[in-house]
């Protein structure tokens, strides 16, 4: 749970903006979306391998 302390004489809009930045920095929304659907461990491993292969090819061609 994220907590944003509202300072004296700070507008709600400013506090909301700080809250949104905190949420974005913690990648909370991305994690929630990822957990909405279950992925089998074998699929997770396969995607990790494919991403590693892509990264390797990308950095070797530069």
N, C-alpha and C. Protein backbone atom coordinates (compact mmCIF):
# COMPACT_ATOMS: atom_id res chain seq x y z
N UNK A 1 0.84 -1.18 0.00
CA UNK A 1 0.00 0.00 0.00
C UNK A 1 0.88 1.24 0.00
N UNK A 2 0.59 2.14 -0.91
CA UNK A 2 1.35 3.37 -1.01
C UNK A 2 0.71 4.46 -0.17
N UNK A 3 1.54 5.19 0.52
CA UNK A 3 1.05 6.28 1.37
C UNK A 3 1.72 7.57 0.92
N UNK A 4 0.90 8.60 0.71
CA UNK A 4 1.40 9.91 0.36
C UNK A 4 0.93 10.88 1.42
N UNK A 5 1.86 11.45 2.13
CA UNK A 5 1.52 12.43 3.16
C UNK A 5 1.29 13.78 2.50
N UNK A 6 0.14 14.36 2.75
CA UNK A 6 -0.20 15.67 2.19
C UNK A 6 0.38 16.72 3.11
N UNK A 7 1.20 17.59 2.55
CA UNK A 7 1.86 18.63 3.33
C UNK A 7 0.92 19.81 3.57
N UNK A 8 1.31 20.66 4.51
CA UNK A 8 0.52 21.86 4.80
C UNK A 8 0.40 22.72 3.54
N UNK A 9 -0.79 23.20 3.31
CA UNK A 9 -1.08 24.11 2.19
C UNK A 9 -0.75 23.50 0.83
N UNK A 10 -0.76 22.17 0.72
CA UNK A 10 -0.53 21.51 -0.56
C UNK A 10 -1.88 21.15 -1.17
N UNK A 11 -2.03 21.40 -2.44
CA UNK A 11 -3.31 21.11 -3.07
C UNK A 11 -3.46 19.60 -3.27
N UNK A 12 -4.70 19.19 -3.39
CA UNK A 12 -4.99 17.77 -3.61
C UNK A 12 -4.46 17.33 -4.96
N UNK A 13 -4.51 18.22 -5.95
CA UNK A 13 -4.00 17.87 -7.28
C UNK A 13 -2.51 17.54 -7.23
N UNK A 14 -1.78 18.32 -6.46
CA UNK A 14 -0.33 18.09 -6.35
C UNK A 14 -0.05 16.76 -5.64
N UNK A 15 -0.81 16.47 -4.59
CA UNK A 15 -0.63 15.21 -3.87
C UNK A 15 -1.00 14.03 -4.76
N UNK A 16 -2.05 14.19 -5.55
CA UNK A 16 -2.45 13.12 -6.48
C UNK A 16 -1.38 12.88 -7.53
N UNK A 17 -0.74 13.94 -7.98
CA UNK A 17 0.33 13.80 -8.96
C UNK A 17 1.52 13.04 -8.35
N UNK A 18 1.84 13.33 -7.07
CA UNK A 18 2.92 12.60 -6.41
C UNK A 18 2.56 11.13 -6.25
N UNK A 19 1.29 10.86 -5.93
CA UNK A 19 0.82 9.47 -5.80
C UNK A 19 0.97 8.72 -7.12
N UNK A 20 0.57 9.36 -8.20
CA UNK A 20 0.67 8.72 -9.52
C UNK A 20 2.12 8.42 -9.87
N UNK A 21 3.02 9.34 -9.53
CA UNK A 21 4.44 9.10 -9.79
C UNK A 21 4.96 7.92 -8.99
N UNK A 22 4.51 7.80 -7.73
CA UNK A 22 4.92 6.67 -6.90
C UNK A 22 4.43 5.36 -7.47
N UNK A 23 3.18 5.34 -7.91
CA UNK A 23 2.61 4.12 -8.50
C UNK A 23 3.39 3.73 -9.74
N UNK A 24 3.71 4.72 -10.57
CA UNK A 24 4.46 4.44 -11.79
C UNK A 24 5.86 3.93 -11.47
N UNK A 25 6.50 4.50 -10.46
CA UNK A 25 7.86 4.11 -10.11
C UNK A 25 7.92 2.70 -9.54
N UNK A 26 6.89 2.27 -8.85
CA UNK A 26 6.90 0.94 -8.26
C UNK A 26 6.42 -0.13 -9.23
N UNK A 27 5.96 0.29 -10.41
CA UNK A 27 5.46 -0.63 -11.43
C UNK A 27 4.31 -1.49 -10.92
N UNK A 28 3.50 -0.91 -10.07
CA UNK A 28 2.38 -1.61 -9.45
C UNK A 28 1.33 -2.01 -10.47
N UNK A 29 0.97 -1.10 -11.36
CA UNK A 29 -0.07 -1.37 -12.36
C UNK A 29 0.38 -2.50 -13.28
N UNK A 30 1.64 -2.48 -13.67
CA UNK A 30 2.16 -3.53 -14.56
C UNK A 30 2.08 -4.90 -13.89
N UNK A 31 2.40 -4.95 -12.61
CA UNK A 31 2.35 -6.21 -11.87
C UNK A 31 0.90 -6.70 -11.73
N UNK A 32 -0.02 -5.80 -11.48
CA UNK A 32 -1.44 -6.19 -11.35
C UNK A 32 -1.95 -6.76 -12.67
N UNK A 33 -1.62 -6.12 -13.76
CA UNK A 33 -2.07 -6.62 -15.07
C UNK A 33 -1.44 -7.97 -15.38
N UNK A 34 -0.19 -8.15 -14.99
CA UNK A 34 0.48 -9.43 -15.26
C UNK A 34 -0.18 -10.56 -14.48
N UNK A 35 -0.66 -10.29 -13.28
CA UNK A 35 -1.24 -11.32 -12.44
C UNK A 35 -2.71 -11.61 -12.74
N UNK A 36 -3.32 -10.86 -13.63
CA UNK A 36 -4.72 -11.10 -13.93
C UNK A 36 -4.95 -12.45 -14.59
N UNK A 37 -3.99 -12.91 -15.37
CA UNK A 37 -4.09 -14.21 -16.01
C UNK A 37 -2.92 -15.07 -15.57
N UNK A 38 -3.22 -16.33 -15.30
CA UNK A 38 -2.18 -17.25 -14.87
C UNK A 38 -1.38 -17.72 -16.07
N UNK A 39 -0.05 -17.74 -15.92
CA UNK A 39 0.83 -18.30 -16.93
C UNK A 39 1.53 -19.50 -16.34
N UNK A 40 1.55 -20.58 -17.11
CA UNK A 40 2.24 -21.78 -16.63
C UNK A 40 3.73 -21.48 -16.51
N UNK A 41 4.40 -22.12 -15.56
CA UNK A 41 5.84 -21.89 -15.40
C UNK A 41 6.63 -22.19 -16.67
N UNK A 42 6.20 -23.17 -17.43
CA UNK A 42 6.91 -23.50 -18.68
C UNK A 42 6.79 -22.35 -19.68
N UNK A 43 5.65 -21.68 -19.71
CA UNK A 43 5.45 -20.56 -20.62
C UNK A 43 6.31 -19.38 -20.18
N UNK A 44 6.40 -19.16 -18.88
CA UNK A 44 7.23 -18.07 -18.35
C UNK A 44 8.68 -18.29 -18.75
N UNK A 45 9.18 -19.52 -18.55
CA UNK A 45 10.56 -19.84 -18.90
C UNK A 45 10.81 -19.67 -20.40
N UNK A 46 9.85 -20.10 -21.20
CA UNK A 46 10.00 -19.99 -22.66
C UNK A 46 10.07 -18.52 -23.06
N UNK A 47 9.22 -17.69 -22.50
CA UNK A 47 9.25 -16.25 -22.81
C UNK A 47 10.55 -15.61 -22.37
N UNK A 48 11.07 -16.01 -21.22
CA UNK A 48 12.35 -15.48 -20.76
C UNK A 48 13.47 -15.85 -21.72
N UNK A 49 13.46 -17.12 -22.19
CA UNK A 49 14.48 -17.56 -23.14
C UNK A 49 14.37 -16.79 -24.46
N UNK A 50 13.15 -16.60 -24.95
CA UNK A 50 12.96 -15.87 -26.20
C UNK A 50 13.41 -14.42 -26.06
N UNK A 51 13.11 -13.79 -24.93
CA UNK A 51 13.55 -12.42 -24.71
C UNK A 51 15.07 -12.33 -24.63
N UNK A 52 15.70 -13.31 -24.00
CA UNK A 52 17.16 -13.32 -23.90
C UNK A 52 17.78 -13.48 -25.29
N UNK A 53 17.20 -14.35 -26.10
CA UNK A 53 17.71 -14.54 -27.47
C UNK A 53 17.56 -13.25 -28.27
N UNK A 54 16.43 -12.59 -28.12
CA UNK A 54 16.20 -11.33 -28.84
C UNK A 54 17.23 -10.28 -28.42
N UNK A 55 17.42 -10.15 -27.10
CA UNK A 55 18.38 -9.16 -26.60
C UNK A 55 19.79 -9.45 -27.09
N UNK A 56 20.15 -10.73 -27.09
CA UNK A 56 21.50 -11.10 -27.54
C UNK A 56 21.69 -10.74 -29.02
N UNK A 57 20.70 -11.06 -29.85
CA UNK A 57 20.81 -10.72 -31.27
C UNK A 57 20.84 -9.20 -31.46
N UNK A 58 20.04 -8.49 -30.70
CA UNK A 58 19.97 -7.03 -30.84
C UNK A 58 21.30 -6.38 -30.49
N UNK A 59 21.91 -6.80 -29.37
CA UNK A 59 23.16 -6.17 -28.95
C UNK A 59 24.35 -6.62 -29.79
N UNK A 60 24.30 -7.82 -30.37
CA UNK A 60 25.38 -8.27 -31.22
C UNK A 60 25.39 -7.58 -32.57
N UNK A 61 24.24 -7.10 -33.03
CA UNK A 61 24.16 -6.46 -34.34
C UNK A 61 24.45 -4.97 -34.29
N UNK A 62 24.64 -4.42 -33.12
CA UNK A 62 24.91 -2.98 -33.04
C UNK A 62 26.35 -2.67 -33.20
